């Protein structure tokens, strides 16, 4: 038996190897999805079983079937605050606006202080002091100063996002290769072009990495703002369920928040893959979370 030809005109071995890799990748993805479903079935099944036989008190901890029933009632009828889609839309609007405001301020100030050592030295003590304050508590201050409308929720979400994005942008600018900046200077780049075409693209991985965490924090900020005072929103829906001792309603609201966070994570991941497609695959990049 002769070995397959490796001549340039016969690329079959390379093609076969690529097909094997694709099949192995698909098989691995199917295994991952299967294991995820198995974990969910085990957790929810154990929860349902223990509440039905009385080991866990469903009055305090709810029940998966009761949570599903509560969601179905909210969807087919409506919540005590109005249609469910309206509550989700209100919280999503607060979250997205707070996320945008906090991200823009964090990137701008982070790049500015990262580029200017004097400003960084002057303002560092104030930023560290502000970062040490429990920022969720500021939701009460915003509710007093800005009222109970959307502004207080956006401000609470934005302040939670700002510090995460700021520190990543600041550190990303500081980590830019000095030789890269020197070469750009030699080629005649001014400060504006150096910032927009060299420094920000180099720090983009740091900035986008912070966005994965920041949207969840923006969602937390919006919900906390609603808990301090609101007439609509998923946070207010959870607050209403809690005051009515409706554990299933609390868990149903938490499930809605988790679905919103997962949707945003998928969008941010797609954005990351598009913006930093030049980045080489990291070690262990086959593992997806």
Protein backbone atom coordinates (compact mmCIF):
# COMPACT_ATOMS: atom_id res chain seq x y z
CA UNK A 1 0.00 0.00 0.00
CA UNK A 2 1.38 3.40 -0.97
CA UNK A 3 1.04 6.52 1.13
CA UNK A 4 -1.20 9.33 -0.18
CA UNK A 5 0.62 11.68 -2.45
CA UNK A 6 1.71 14.97 -0.86
CA UNK A 7 2.40 16.70 -4.16
CA UNK A 8 1.18 20.27 -4.58
CA UNK A 9 -1.46 19.13 -7.01
CA UNK A 10 -3.02 16.75 -4.45
CA UNK A 11 -4.32 18.70 -1.39
CA UNK A 12 -6.55 15.83 -0.20
CA UNK A 13 -4.66 15.18 3.10
CA UNK A 14 -5.02 18.85 4.13
CA UNK A 15 -8.70 18.82 3.20
CA UNK A 16 -9.30 15.61 5.18
CA UNK A 17 -7.51 17.07 8.21
CA UNK A 18 -9.64 20.23 8.08
CA UNK A 19 -12.82 18.14 7.83
CA UNK A 20 -11.74 16.09 10.85
CA UNK A 21 -11.11 19.24 12.86
CA UNK A 22 -14.51 20.67 11.93
CA UNK A 23 -16.26 17.44 12.92
CA UNK A 24 -14.34 17.31 16.20
CA UNK A 25 -15.26 20.93 16.97
CA UNK A 26 -18.94 20.29 16.23
CA UNK A 27 -18.90 17.12 18.34
CA UNK A 28 -17.37 19.04 21.23
CA UNK A 29 -19.99 21.78 20.95
CA UNK A 30 -22.78 19.19 20.99
CA UNK A 31 -21.23 17.61 24.09
CA UNK A 32 -21.07 21.00 25.79
CA UNK A 33 -24.70 21.81 24.98
CA UNK A 34 -25.76 18.37 26.15
CA UNK A 35 -23.92 18.75 29.45
CA UNK A 36 -25.43 22.21 29.97
CA UNK A 37 -28.92 20.80 29.48
CA UNK A 38 -28.09 17.94 31.84
CA UNK A 39 -26.94 20.32 34.57
CA UNK A 40 -30.12 22.40 34.19
CA UNK A 41 -32.31 19.28 34.33
CA UNK A 42 -30.52 18.00 37.43
CA UNK A 43 -30.70 21.31 39.28
CA UNK A 44 -34.32 22.09 38.38
CA UNK A 45 -35.42 18.50 38.86
CA UNK A 46 -33.82 18.31 42.31
CA UNK A 47 -35.36 21.66 43.25
CA UNK A 48 -38.83 20.57 42.09
CA UNK A 49 -38.56 17.18 43.81
CA UNK A 50 -37.35 18.53 47.15
CA UNK A 51 -40.15 21.11 47.27
CA UNK A 52 -42.80 18.55 46.37
CA UNK A 53 -41.78 16.05 49.08
CA UNK A 54 -41.39 18.81 51.68
CA UNK A 55 -37.63 18.85 52.21
CA UNK A 56 -37.50 22.46 50.97
CA UNK A 57 -40.28 24.88 51.85
CA UNK A 58 -41.63 26.25 48.58
CA UNK A 59 -43.17 29.24 50.41
CA UNK A 60 -39.65 30.62 50.95
CA UNK A 61 -37.73 29.15 48.01
CA UNK A 62 -40.39 28.83 45.31
CA UNK A 63 -40.72 25.96 42.88
CA UNK A 64 -39.62 25.64 39.22
CA UNK A 65 -43.13 24.74 38.09
CA UNK A 66 -44.50 27.66 40.09
CA UNK A 67 -41.96 30.02 38.54
CA UNK A 68 -42.92 28.85 35.05
CA UNK A 69 -46.60 29.28 35.94
CA UNK A 70 -45.94 32.81 37.21
CA UNK A 71 -44.10 33.75 34.03
CA UNK A 72 -46.94 32.33 31.94
CA UNK A 73 -49.48 34.41 33.86
CA UNK A 74 -47.39 37.54 33.37
CA UNK A 75 -47.04 36.83 29.64
CA UNK A 76 -50.61 35.78 28.84
CA UNK A 77 -52.33 38.21 31.19
CA UNK A 78 -50.21 40.97 32.71
CA UNK A 79 -48.35 41.92 35.85
CA UNK A 80 -49.67 44.06 38.68
CA UNK A 81 -47.75 46.95 37.11
CA UNK A 82 -48.96 46.44 33.55
CA UNK A 83 -47.87 44.33 30.55
CA UNK A 84 -44.70 42.29 31.09
CA UNK A 85 -43.04 43.56 27.91
CA UNK A 86 -43.39 47.09 29.23
CA UNK A 87 -41.57 46.23 32.48
CA UNK A 88 -38.75 44.56 30.55
CA UNK A 89 -38.53 47.49 28.14
CA UNK A 90 -38.33 50.05 30.96
CA UNK A 91 -35.51 48.20 32.73
CA UNK A 92 -33.67 47.57 29.47
CA UNK A 93 -33.89 51.25 28.53
CA UNK A 94 -32.47 52.30 31.90
CA UNK A 95 -29.73 49.69 31.65
CA UNK A 96 -28.68 50.52 28.09
CA UNK A 97 -28.62 54.27 28.71
CA UNK A 98 -26.62 53.83 31.92
CA UNK A 99 -24.28 51.42 30.15
CA UNK A 100 -23.67 53.87 27.29
CA UNK A 101 -23.14 56.88 29.57
CA UNK A 102 -20.83 54.99 31.94
CA UNK A 103 -18.85 53.44 29.08
CA UNK A 104 -18.34 56.72 27.22
CA UNK A 105 -17.27 58.58 30.37
CA UNK A 106 -15.05 55.70 31.46
CA UNK A 107 -13.28 55.44 28.10
CA UNK A 108 -12.83 59.21 27.65
CA UNK A 109 -11.55 59.89 31.16
CA UNK A 110 -9.52 56.68 31.25
CA UNK A 111 -7.74 57.51 27.99
CA UNK A 112 -7.27 61.15 29.02
CA UNK A 113 -5.67 60.30 32.36
CA UNK A 114 -3.74 57.41 30.84
CA UNK A 115 -2.20 59.80 28.31
CA UNK A 116 -1.51 62.62 30.78
CA UNK A 117 0.57 61.61 33.80
CA UNK A 118 0.10 64.98 35.52
CA UNK A 119 -3.69 64.69 35.43
CA UNK A 120 -3.45 61.09 36.59
CA UNK A 121 -1.30 62.09 39.58
CA UNK A 122 -3.64 64.96 40.51
CA UNK A 123 -6.93 63.08 40.26
CA UNK A 124 -5.78 59.60 41.36
CA UNK A 125 -6.50 60.23 45.05
CA UNK A 126 -10.04 61.42 44.29
CA UNK A 127 -10.76 58.50 41.98
CA UNK A 128 -9.52 56.01 44.57
CA UNK A 129 -11.66 57.66 47.24
CA UNK A 130 -14.75 57.63 45.03
CA UNK A 131 -14.11 54.00 44.09
CA UNK A 132 -14.04 53.07 47.80
CA UNK A 133 -17.60 54.35 48.32
CA UNK A 134 -20.27 51.60 48.10
CA UNK A 135 -21.73 52.84 44.84
CA UNK A 136 -25.05 51.05 45.20
CA UNK A 137 -25.79 53.36 48.14
CA UNK A 138 -25.56 56.29 45.72
CA UNK A 139 -28.85 55.07 44.27
CA UNK A 140 -30.60 56.58 47.30
CA UNK A 141 -28.81 59.91 46.73
CA UNK A 142 -29.74 59.90 43.04
CA UNK A 143 -33.36 59.11 43.91
CA UNK A 144 -33.42 62.17 46.20
CA UNK A 145 -31.58 64.55 43.87
CA UNK A 146 -32.85 63.40 40.46
CA UNK A 147 -36.30 62.13 41.39
CA UNK A 148 -37.92 58.77 40.80
CA UNK A 149 -37.98 58.98 37.02
CA UNK A 150 -35.53 57.37 34.59
CA UNK A 151 -32.69 59.79 35.38
CA UNK A 152 -31.94 58.33 38.81
CA UNK A 153 -31.84 54.77 37.43
CA UNK A 154 -29.56 55.76 34.55
CA UNK A 155 -27.24 57.60 36.94
CA UNK A 156 -27.02 54.59 39.27
CA UNK A 157 -26.31 52.25 36.35
CA UNK A 158 -23.75 54.65 34.86
CA UNK A 159 -21.78 55.07 38.09
CA UNK A 160 -21.47 51.28 38.43
CA UNK A 161 -20.24 50.96 34.86
CA UNK A 162 -17.89 53.96 34.91
CA UNK A 163 -15.24 52.71 37.32
CA UNK A 164 -14.87 49.29 35.70
CA UNK A 165 -14.47 50.77 32.22
CA UNK A 166 -12.29 53.63 33.47
CA UNK A 167 -9.70 51.42 35.18
CA UNK A 168 -9.51 49.08 32.17
CA UNK A 169 -9.17 51.95 29.71
CA UNK A 170 -6.56 53.64 31.92
CA UNK A 171 -4.52 50.46 32.30
CA UNK A 172 -4.92 49.59 28.61
CA UNK A 173 -3.47 52.96 27.61
CA UNK A 174 -0.59 52.53 30.06
CA UNK A 175 0.17 49.07 28.64
CA UNK A 176 0.53 50.22 25.01
CA UNK A 177 3.93 49.25 23.64
CA UNK A 178 6.30 52.20 23.97
CA UNK A 179 8.15 51.25 20.77
CA UNK A 180 4.87 51.38 18.87
CA UNK A 181 4.26 54.93 20.06
CA UNK A 182 7.84 55.93 19.24
CA UNK A 183 7.55 54.53 15.71
CA UNK A 184 4.27 56.39 15.16
CA UNK A 185 5.96 59.59 16.29
CA UNK A 186 8.83 59.02 13.87
CA UNK A 187 6.31 58.58 11.05
CA UNK A 188 4.83 61.99 11.87
CA UNK A 189 1.71 61.10 13.88
CA UNK A 190 0.39 64.00 15.94
CA UNK A 191 -1.32 63.57 19.33
CA UNK A 192 -4.80 63.18 17.82
CA UNK A 193 -3.80 60.51 15.31
CA UNK A 194 -1.60 58.82 17.88
CA UNK A 195 -4.55 58.53 20.27
CA UNK A 196 -7.19 57.51 17.72
CA UNK A 197 -5.10 55.24 15.47
CA UNK A 198 -2.57 53.70 17.85
CA UNK A 199 -3.42 54.00 21.53
CA UNK A 200 -7.19 53.38 21.51
CA UNK A 201 -6.99 50.39 19.10
CA UNK A 202 -4.18 48.93 21.22
CA UNK A 203 -6.24 49.35 24.39
CA UNK A 204 -9.43 48.06 22.75
CA UNK A 205 -9.02 44.55 24.13
CA UNK A 206 -8.86 45.94 27.68
CA UNK A 207 -11.90 48.15 27.10
CA UNK A 208 -14.07 45.45 25.53
CA UNK A 209 -13.09 43.00 28.26
CA UNK A 210 -14.57 45.43 30.79
CA UNK A 211 -17.85 45.61 28.85
CA UNK A 212 -18.62 41.95 29.59
CA UNK A 213 -18.75 42.82 33.29
CA UNK A 214 -20.13 46.31 32.89
CA UNK A 215 -23.48 45.46 31.32
CA UNK A 216 -24.31 43.18 34.24
CA UNK A 217 -23.40 46.01 36.61
CA UNK A 218 -25.57 48.42 34.61
CA UNK A 219 -28.46 45.98 35.01
CA UNK A 220 -27.78 45.83 38.75
CA UNK A 221 -27.74 49.62 38.91
CA UNK A 222 -31.04 49.95 37.06
CA UNK A 223 -32.73 47.38 39.31
CA UNK A 224 -31.31 48.96 42.48
CA UNK A 225 -32.59 52.34 41.30
CA UNK A 226 -36.04 50.81 40.78
CA UNK A 227 -35.96 49.30 44.26
CA UNK A 228 -35.35 52.77 45.74
CA UNK A 229 -38.48 54.02 44.03
CA UNK A 230 -40.25 53.37 40.73
CA UNK A 231 -43.64 52.66 39.23
CA UNK A 232 -42.46 50.29 36.49
CA UNK A 233 -39.61 47.93 35.69
CA UNK A 234 -38.46 44.42 36.52
CA UNK A 235 -36.89 45.64 39.76
CA UNK A 236 -40.20 47.09 40.88
CA UNK A 237 -41.87 43.85 39.80
CA UNK A 238 -39.51 41.89 42.07
CA UNK A 239 -40.08 44.39 44.88
CA UNK A 240 -43.87 43.99 44.54
CA UNK A 241 -43.60 40.18 44.54
CA UNK A 242 -41.38 40.27 47.64
CA UNK A 243 -43.89 42.43 49.53
CA UNK A 244 -46.63 39.94 48.64
CA UNK A 245 -44.50 37.00 49.86
CA UNK A 246 -44.50 35.63 46.32
CA UNK A 247 -41.21 33.71 46.08
CA UNK A 248 -42.09 32.41 42.62
CA UNK A 249 -42.56 36.00 41.44
CA UNK A 250 -39.15 37.00 42.83
CA UNK A 251 -37.45 34.11 41.04
CA UNK A 252 -39.41 34.83 37.86
CA UNK A 253 -38.12 38.42 37.91
CA UNK A 254 -34.58 37.17 38.49
CA UNK A 255 -34.97 34.83 35.53
CA UNK A 256 -36.00 37.76 33.32
CA UNK A 257 -32.92 39.70 34.42
CA UNK A 258 -30.68 36.71 33.68
CA UNK A 259 -32.18 36.39 30.19
CA UNK A 260 -31.56 40.10 29.54
CA UNK A 261 -27.94 39.79 30.72
CA UNK A 262 -27.30 36.72 28.53
CA UNK A 263 -28.74 38.49 25.48
CA UNK A 264 -26.49 41.48 26.08
CA UNK A 265 -23.47 39.20 26.59
CA UNK A 266 -24.11 37.58 23.20
CA UNK A 267 -24.29 41.00 21.53
CA UNK A 268 -21.09 42.22 23.22
CA UNK A 269 -19.27 39.01 22.26
CA UNK A 270 -20.32 39.44 18.62
CA UNK A 271 -19.12 43.06 18.76
CA UNK A 272 -15.82 41.96 20.26
CA UNK A 273 -15.26 39.35 17.56
CA UNK A 274 -15.92 42.00 14.91
CA UNK A 275 -13.76 44.77 16.37
CA UNK A 276 -10.73 42.72 17.41
CA UNK A 277 -10.70 40.03 14.73
CA UNK A 278 -7.00 40.83 14.25
CA UNK A 279 -6.26 39.45 17.71
CA UNK A 280 -4.55 36.02 17.67
CA UNK A 281 -6.44 33.19 19.38
CA UNK A 282 -5.61 32.95 23.07
CA UNK A 283 -4.39 29.79 24.72
CA UNK A 284 -7.44 27.70 25.54
CA UNK A 285 -9.63 29.71 23.17
CA UNK A 286 -11.53 26.53 22.31
CA UNK A 287 -13.12 26.76 25.74
CA UNK A 288 -16.18 29.01 25.53
CA UNK A 289 -18.05 30.29 28.54
